[in-house]
N, C-alpha and C. Protein backbone atom coordinates (compact mmCIF):
# COMPACT_ATOMS: atom_id res chain seq x y z
N UNK A 1 54.00 106.51 137.86
CA UNK A 1 54.21 107.49 136.81
C UNK A 1 55.71 107.81 136.73
N UNK A 2 56.30 107.77 135.52
CA UNK A 2 57.74 108.04 135.38
C UNK A 2 58.08 109.50 135.65
N UNK A 3 59.31 109.69 136.10
CA UNK A 3 59.80 111.03 136.39
C UNK A 3 60.09 111.76 135.07
N UNK A 4 59.32 112.77 134.74
CA UNK A 4 59.43 113.49 133.47
C UNK A 4 60.65 114.41 133.47
N UNK A 5 61.08 114.86 134.63
CA UNK A 5 62.19 115.81 134.70
C UNK A 5 63.56 115.14 134.53
N UNK A 6 63.62 113.82 134.63
CA UNK A 6 64.90 113.13 134.49
C UNK A 6 65.37 113.22 133.04
N UNK A 7 66.68 113.47 132.83
CA UNK A 7 67.22 113.55 131.48
C UNK A 7 67.32 112.16 130.89
N UNK A 8 67.05 112.08 129.61
CA UNK A 8 67.14 110.81 128.90
C UNK A 8 68.61 110.52 128.58
N UNK A 9 69.07 109.33 128.89
CA UNK A 9 70.44 108.94 128.61
C UNK A 9 70.59 108.68 127.12
N UNK A 10 71.72 109.14 126.51
CA UNK A 10 71.91 108.89 125.09
C UNK A 10 72.09 107.40 124.83
N UNK A 11 71.63 106.98 123.69
CA UNK A 11 71.75 105.56 123.32
C UNK A 11 73.18 105.27 122.88
N UNK A 12 73.52 104.00 122.85
CA UNK A 12 74.84 103.59 122.38
C UNK A 12 75.04 104.03 120.93
N UNK A 13 73.99 103.95 120.15
CA UNK A 13 74.07 104.38 118.75
C UNK A 13 74.36 105.88 118.68
N UNK A 14 73.70 106.67 119.51
CA UNK A 14 73.91 108.12 119.52
C UNK A 14 75.34 108.47 119.94
N UNK A 15 75.85 107.76 120.95
CA UNK A 15 77.23 108.00 121.38
C UNK A 15 78.23 107.62 120.29
N UNK A 16 78.00 106.49 119.63
CA UNK A 16 78.89 106.05 118.55
C UNK A 16 78.87 107.06 117.40
N UNK A 17 77.70 107.58 117.09
CA UNK A 17 77.58 108.54 115.99
C UNK A 17 78.35 109.83 116.34
N UNK A 18 78.20 110.31 117.58
CA UNK A 18 78.92 111.51 118.00
C UNK A 18 80.44 111.29 118.00
N UNK A 19 80.85 110.11 118.43
CA UNK A 19 82.27 109.78 118.44
C UNK A 19 82.82 109.77 117.01
N UNK A 20 82.08 109.16 116.09
CA UNK A 20 82.51 109.12 114.69
C UNK A 20 82.60 110.54 114.11
N UNK A 21 81.65 111.39 114.44
CA UNK A 21 81.68 112.78 113.96
C UNK A 21 82.90 113.51 114.52
N UNK A 22 83.18 113.30 115.80
CA UNK A 22 84.33 113.94 116.44
C UNK A 22 85.63 113.46 115.82
N UNK A 23 85.73 112.15 115.56
CA UNK A 23 86.94 111.61 114.93
C UNK A 23 87.12 112.18 113.53
N UNK A 24 86.02 112.37 112.82
CA UNK A 24 86.09 112.97 111.48
C UNK A 24 86.63 114.39 111.55
N UNK A 25 86.18 115.14 112.52
CA UNK A 25 86.66 116.52 112.69
C UNK A 25 88.14 116.52 113.04
N UNK A 26 88.54 115.61 113.93
CA UNK A 26 89.95 115.53 114.33
C UNK A 26 90.82 115.18 113.12
N UNK A 27 90.38 114.21 112.31
CA UNK A 27 91.15 113.83 111.12
C UNK A 27 91.30 115.01 110.16
N UNK A 28 90.25 115.79 110.01
CA UNK A 28 90.31 116.96 109.13
C UNK A 28 91.30 117.98 109.69
N UNK A 29 91.30 118.20 110.99
CA UNK A 29 92.23 119.14 111.61
C UNK A 29 93.67 118.68 111.39
N UNK A 30 93.93 117.38 111.59
CA UNK A 30 95.28 116.84 111.40
C UNK A 30 95.71 117.01 109.94
N UNK A 31 94.82 116.72 109.00
CA UNK A 31 95.13 116.88 107.58
C UNK A 31 95.45 118.35 107.26
N UNK A 32 94.63 119.26 107.76
CA UNK A 32 94.88 120.69 107.54
C UNK A 32 96.19 121.13 108.18
N UNK A 33 96.49 120.60 109.36
CA UNK A 33 97.72 120.95 110.05
C UNK A 33 98.94 120.48 109.26
N UNK A 34 98.87 119.28 108.70
CA UNK A 34 99.98 118.76 107.89
C UNK A 34 100.22 119.68 106.69
N UNK A 35 99.15 120.13 106.04
CA UNK A 35 99.29 121.04 104.90
C UNK A 35 99.92 122.35 105.36
N UNK A 36 99.52 122.83 106.53
CA UNK A 36 100.05 124.08 107.07
C UNK A 36 101.53 123.95 107.41
N UNK A 37 101.94 122.83 107.99
CA UNK A 37 103.32 122.66 108.45
C UNK A 37 104.29 122.30 107.34
N UNK A 38 103.81 121.80 106.21
CA UNK A 38 104.67 121.36 105.12
C UNK A 38 105.66 122.44 104.67
N UNK A 39 105.21 123.69 104.40
CA UNK A 39 106.20 124.71 104.00
C UNK A 39 107.24 124.99 105.08
N UNK A 40 106.82 124.94 106.35
CA UNK A 40 107.78 125.15 107.44
C UNK A 40 108.83 124.04 107.45
N UNK A 41 108.37 122.81 107.29
CA UNK A 41 109.29 121.68 107.28
C UNK A 41 110.29 121.83 106.15
N UNK A 42 109.84 122.21 104.96
CA UNK A 42 110.75 122.40 103.82
C UNK A 42 111.75 123.51 104.12
N UNK A 43 111.28 124.59 104.74
CA UNK A 43 112.17 125.70 105.09
C UNK A 43 113.22 125.24 106.10
N UNK A 44 112.80 124.54 107.15
CA UNK A 44 113.74 124.09 108.18
C UNK A 44 114.77 123.13 107.60
N UNK A 45 114.35 122.25 106.71
CA UNK A 45 115.30 121.31 106.09
C UNK A 45 116.32 122.06 105.24
N UNK A 46 115.89 123.09 104.51
CA UNK A 46 116.82 123.88 103.71
C UNK A 46 117.81 124.62 104.61
N UNK A 47 117.33 125.18 105.71
CA UNK A 47 118.21 125.88 106.64
C UNK A 47 119.21 124.90 107.25
N UNK A 48 118.72 123.73 107.66
CA UNK A 48 119.60 122.72 108.27
C UNK A 48 120.70 122.32 107.31
N UNK A 49 120.38 122.13 106.06
CA UNK A 49 121.38 121.74 105.07
C UNK A 49 122.47 122.81 104.97
N UNK A 50 122.07 124.07 104.99
CA UNK A 50 123.04 125.15 104.92
C UNK A 50 123.89 125.26 106.17
N UNK A 51 123.30 125.04 107.34
CA UNK A 51 124.03 125.17 108.61
C UNK A 51 125.00 124.00 108.80
N UNK A 52 124.61 122.81 108.39
CA UNK A 52 125.48 121.64 108.57
C UNK A 52 126.84 121.85 107.91
N UNK A 53 126.88 122.62 106.85
CA UNK A 53 128.13 122.85 106.13
C UNK A 53 128.99 123.94 106.76
N UNK A 54 128.49 124.65 107.77
CA UNK A 54 129.20 125.80 108.30
C UNK A 54 129.65 125.64 109.75
N UNK A 55 129.50 124.47 110.34
CA UNK A 55 129.90 124.27 111.73
C UNK A 55 131.42 124.19 111.81
N UNK A 56 132.06 125.01 112.66
CA UNK A 56 133.53 125.00 112.74
C UNK A 56 134.03 123.67 113.29
N UNK A 57 135.26 123.35 112.93
CA UNK A 57 135.80 122.05 113.31
C UNK A 57 136.65 122.05 114.56
N UNK A 58 137.12 123.21 115.01
CA UNK A 58 138.04 123.23 116.13
C UNK A 58 137.51 124.15 117.24
N UNK A 59 137.49 123.62 118.45
CA UNK A 59 137.01 124.39 119.59
C UNK A 59 138.20 125.03 120.30
N UNK A 60 138.15 126.34 120.46
CA UNK A 60 139.16 127.05 121.24
C UNK A 60 138.46 128.17 122.00
N UNK A 61 139.20 128.93 122.80
CA UNK A 61 138.58 129.96 123.63
C UNK A 61 137.79 130.97 122.83
N UNK A 62 138.23 131.29 121.64
CA UNK A 62 137.55 132.30 120.83
C UNK A 62 136.35 131.75 120.09
N UNK A 63 136.29 130.43 119.88
CA UNK A 63 135.18 129.85 119.11
C UNK A 63 134.08 129.25 119.99
N UNK A 64 134.22 129.33 121.32
CA UNK A 64 133.23 128.74 122.22
C UNK A 64 131.85 129.36 121.99
N UNK A 65 131.80 130.68 121.89
CA UNK A 65 130.51 131.34 121.67
C UNK A 65 129.87 130.87 120.37
N UNK A 66 130.66 130.73 119.34
CA UNK A 66 130.14 130.26 118.05
C UNK A 66 129.50 128.87 118.20
N UNK A 67 130.16 127.99 118.94
CA UNK A 67 129.61 126.66 119.17
C UNK A 67 128.32 126.73 120.00
N UNK A 68 128.30 127.60 121.00
CA UNK A 68 127.11 127.75 121.85
C UNK A 68 125.93 128.25 121.02
N UNK A 69 126.16 129.28 120.20
CA UNK A 69 125.09 129.84 119.37
C UNK A 69 124.59 128.81 118.38
N UNK A 70 125.52 128.12 117.72
CA UNK A 70 125.11 127.11 116.73
C UNK A 70 124.41 125.93 117.41
N UNK A 71 124.86 125.57 118.61
CA UNK A 71 124.18 124.49 119.34
C UNK A 71 122.75 124.86 119.69
N UNK A 72 122.56 126.09 120.17
CA UNK A 72 121.22 126.56 120.51
C UNK A 72 120.35 126.64 119.25
N UNK A 73 120.94 127.13 118.18
CA UNK A 73 120.20 127.24 116.92
C UNK A 73 119.79 125.86 116.41
N UNK A 74 120.73 124.90 116.45
CA UNK A 74 120.42 123.56 115.95
C UNK A 74 119.37 122.86 116.82
N UNK A 75 119.43 123.09 118.13
CA UNK A 75 118.41 122.51 119.00
C UNK A 75 117.02 123.03 118.62
N UNK A 76 116.94 124.32 118.39
CA UNK A 76 115.68 124.95 117.99
C UNK A 76 115.23 124.43 116.62
N UNK A 77 116.17 124.33 115.70
CA UNK A 77 115.87 123.85 114.35
C UNK A 77 115.39 122.40 114.37
N UNK A 78 116.10 121.55 115.09
CA UNK A 78 115.71 120.13 115.18
C UNK A 78 114.34 119.99 115.84
N UNK A 79 114.07 120.80 116.86
CA UNK A 79 112.77 120.76 117.52
C UNK A 79 111.67 121.12 116.54
N UNK A 80 111.89 122.17 115.74
CA UNK A 80 110.88 122.57 114.75
C UNK A 80 110.70 121.50 113.67
N UNK A 81 111.78 120.89 113.24
CA UNK A 81 111.67 119.80 112.26
C UNK A 81 110.86 118.64 112.83
N UNK A 82 111.16 118.27 114.06
CA UNK A 82 110.43 117.16 114.70
C UNK A 82 108.95 117.50 114.84
N UNK A 83 108.67 118.72 115.27
CA UNK A 83 107.28 119.14 115.48
C UNK A 83 106.50 119.11 114.17
N UNK A 84 107.15 119.47 113.07
CA UNK A 84 106.48 119.44 111.76
C UNK A 84 106.17 118.03 111.30
N UNK A 85 106.90 117.04 111.81
CA UNK A 85 106.72 115.66 111.37
C UNK A 85 105.79 114.85 112.26
N UNK A 86 105.45 115.39 113.42
CA UNK A 86 104.62 114.66 114.38
C UNK A 86 103.22 114.45 113.81
N UNK A 87 102.75 113.22 113.87
CA UNK A 87 101.44 112.86 113.34
C UNK A 87 100.32 113.08 114.36
N UNK A 88 100.65 112.97 115.63
CA UNK A 88 99.61 113.10 116.65
C UNK A 88 100.12 113.97 117.79
N UNK A 89 99.24 114.31 118.70
CA UNK A 89 99.61 115.16 119.83
C UNK A 89 99.99 114.34 121.07
N UNK A 90 100.17 113.04 120.90
CA UNK A 90 100.45 112.19 122.07
C UNK A 90 101.77 112.56 122.76
N UNK A 91 102.74 113.06 122.00
CA UNK A 91 104.04 113.39 122.60
C UNK A 91 104.18 114.88 122.90
N UNK A 92 103.11 115.63 122.76
CA UNK A 92 103.21 117.09 122.96
C UNK A 92 103.63 117.44 124.38
N UNK A 93 103.24 116.65 125.36
CA UNK A 93 103.64 116.91 126.75
C UNK A 93 105.16 116.88 126.87
N UNK A 94 105.79 115.91 126.23
CA UNK A 94 107.24 115.78 126.31
C UNK A 94 107.95 116.85 125.47
N UNK A 95 107.29 117.33 124.43
CA UNK A 95 107.87 118.39 123.62
C UNK A 95 107.98 119.69 124.42
N UNK A 96 107.09 119.89 125.36
CA UNK A 96 107.09 121.12 126.16
C UNK A 96 108.39 121.25 126.96
N UNK A 97 108.94 120.14 127.42
CA UNK A 97 110.20 120.19 128.18
C UNK A 97 111.34 120.70 127.30
N UNK A 98 111.32 120.34 126.04
CA UNK A 98 112.34 120.83 125.11
C UNK A 98 112.21 122.33 124.91
N UNK A 99 110.98 122.82 124.88
CA UNK A 99 110.77 124.26 124.73
C UNK A 99 111.41 125.03 125.89
N UNK A 100 111.37 124.47 127.08
CA UNK A 100 111.97 125.15 128.23
C UNK A 100 113.47 125.30 128.02
N UNK A 101 114.13 124.24 127.55
CA UNK A 101 115.56 124.30 127.28
C UNK A 101 115.90 125.32 126.21
N UNK A 102 115.07 125.40 125.18
CA UNK A 102 115.28 126.37 124.10
C UNK A 102 115.15 127.79 124.67
N UNK A 103 114.15 128.02 125.50
CA UNK A 103 113.98 129.34 126.13
C UNK A 103 115.17 129.69 127.00
N UNK A 104 115.68 128.72 127.76
CA UNK A 104 116.85 128.97 128.60
C UNK A 104 118.05 129.34 127.74
N UNK A 105 118.22 128.65 126.61
CA UNK A 105 119.32 128.99 125.69
C UNK A 105 119.19 130.43 125.21
N UNK A 106 117.99 130.82 124.82
CA UNK A 106 117.79 132.19 124.32
C UNK A 106 118.05 133.22 125.41
N UNK A 107 117.66 132.92 126.64
CA UNK A 107 117.89 133.86 127.75
C UNK A 107 119.39 134.03 128.00
N UNK A 108 120.13 132.92 128.04
CA UNK A 108 121.57 133.03 128.31
C UNK A 108 122.29 133.69 127.15
N UNK A 109 121.85 133.42 125.91
CA UNK A 109 122.47 134.07 124.76
C UNK A 109 122.21 135.58 124.78
N UNK A 110 121.01 135.97 125.18
CA UNK A 110 120.71 137.41 125.30
C UNK A 110 121.60 138.05 126.36
N UNK A 111 121.81 137.34 127.46
CA UNK A 111 122.70 137.85 128.51
C UNK A 111 124.14 137.95 128.01
N UNK A 112 124.61 136.90 127.35
CA UNK A 112 125.98 136.90 126.83
C UNK A 112 126.21 138.04 125.85
N UNK A 113 125.17 138.41 125.15
CA UNK A 113 125.27 139.50 124.18
C UNK A 113 125.54 140.85 124.86
N UNK A 114 125.23 140.97 126.15
CA UNK A 114 125.46 142.22 126.88
C UNK A 114 126.90 142.32 127.39
N UNK A 115 127.64 141.22 127.38
CA UNK A 115 129.01 141.20 127.90
C UNK A 115 130.01 141.55 126.80
N UNK A 116 131.19 141.97 127.23
CA UNK A 116 132.27 142.19 126.26
C UNK A 116 132.77 140.83 125.78
N UNK A 117 133.53 140.84 124.71
CA UNK A 117 134.04 139.58 124.16
C UNK A 117 134.90 138.83 125.18
N UNK A 118 135.74 139.56 125.90
CA UNK A 118 136.62 138.94 126.90
C UNK A 118 135.79 138.32 128.04
N UNK A 119 134.77 139.07 128.51
CA UNK A 119 133.91 138.54 129.58
C UNK A 119 133.15 137.30 129.10
N UNK A 120 132.65 137.36 127.89
CA UNK A 120 131.92 136.20 127.32
C UNK A 120 132.83 134.98 127.27
N UNK A 121 134.05 135.17 126.73
CA UNK A 121 134.97 134.04 126.60
C UNK A 121 135.35 133.47 127.97
N UNK A 122 135.59 134.36 128.95
CA UNK A 122 135.91 133.90 130.31
C UNK A 122 134.75 133.12 130.91
N UNK A 123 133.53 133.67 130.79
CA UNK A 123 132.36 133.00 131.34
C UNK A 123 132.15 131.63 130.69
N UNK A 124 132.19 131.60 129.37
CA UNK A 124 131.93 130.35 128.66
C UNK A 124 133.01 129.31 128.95
N UNK A 125 134.26 129.72 129.01
CA UNK A 125 135.35 128.78 129.33
C UNK A 125 135.16 128.21 130.73
N UNK A 126 134.84 129.10 131.69
CA UNK A 126 134.60 128.65 133.05
C UNK A 126 133.42 127.67 133.10
N UNK A 127 132.31 128.06 132.47
CA UNK A 127 131.10 127.24 132.50
C UNK A 127 131.34 125.88 131.86
N UNK A 128 132.03 125.86 130.74
CA UNK A 128 132.33 124.61 130.05
C UNK A 128 133.16 123.69 130.94
N UNK A 129 134.23 124.24 131.54
CA UNK A 129 135.08 123.43 132.42
C UNK A 129 134.32 122.98 133.67
N UNK A 130 133.51 123.87 134.23
CA UNK A 130 132.72 123.54 135.42
C UNK A 130 131.76 122.38 135.13
N UNK A 131 131.04 122.46 134.02
CA UNK A 131 130.07 121.41 133.67
C UNK A 131 130.76 120.07 133.42
N UNK A 132 131.91 120.10 132.78
CA UNK A 132 132.66 118.85 132.53
C UNK A 132 133.11 118.25 133.85
N UNK A 133 133.69 119.08 134.73
CA UNK A 133 134.16 118.57 136.03
C UNK A 133 133.00 118.05 136.87
N UNK A 134 131.90 118.76 136.88
CA UNK A 134 130.73 118.33 137.65
C UNK A 134 130.23 116.97 137.14
N UNK A 135 130.16 116.82 135.82
CA UNK A 135 129.70 115.55 135.24
C UNK A 135 130.66 114.41 135.57
N UNK A 136 131.97 114.68 135.51
CA UNK A 136 132.95 113.65 135.83
C UNK A 136 132.85 113.21 137.28
N UNK A 137 132.64 114.16 138.19
CA UNK A 137 132.50 113.82 139.61
C UNK A 137 131.26 112.97 139.84
N UNK A 138 130.14 113.36 139.24
CA UNK A 138 128.90 112.60 139.40
C UNK A 138 129.06 111.19 138.83
N UNK A 139 129.68 111.06 137.67
CA UNK A 139 129.90 109.74 137.07
C UNK A 139 130.83 108.90 137.94
N UNK A 140 131.88 109.52 138.46
CA UNK A 140 132.82 108.80 139.32
C UNK A 140 132.12 108.28 140.57
N UNK A 141 131.31 109.13 141.20
CA UNK A 141 130.57 108.71 142.39
C UNK A 141 129.59 107.57 142.07
N UNK A 142 128.95 107.67 140.93
CA UNK A 142 127.99 106.63 140.54
C UNK A 142 128.70 105.30 140.26
N UNK A 143 129.81 105.35 139.54
CA UNK A 143 130.52 104.13 139.16
C UNK A 143 131.27 103.51 140.35
N UNK A 144 131.55 104.31 141.37
CA UNK A 144 132.23 103.81 142.57
C UNK A 144 131.34 102.85 143.34
N UNK A 145 130.04 103.01 143.22
CA UNK A 145 129.09 102.19 143.99
C UNK A 145 129.04 100.77 143.54
């Protein structure tokens, strides 16, 4: 006598039907998401066009903060543009790393906003020179090998 309490395994046809239904739902979600993101993409493109025309051409001690703010802004803007264009979620794991950098930018900018102009300029000049020297040392050590 067969075991009545054992669950019946779904047939291949049943699994294929469920998979097709799930894929249909996913396609509908992606289509709806594209419609939702379209206005954002248009907005970000318009903002980018306006910002591209306003980036200063010369870096000096007084303009370092302006470059830092615009760099952070452009990173955020480019990330949002990219996210609006993504067709699938396959790269979402890698997008999360970019979000961390954007958050770090916002944290440091909030901190810089608490400093006086002289302190900000001193900090940014030091940090800029430090990062350049650190990178040059690392490259020199690597190329020496």
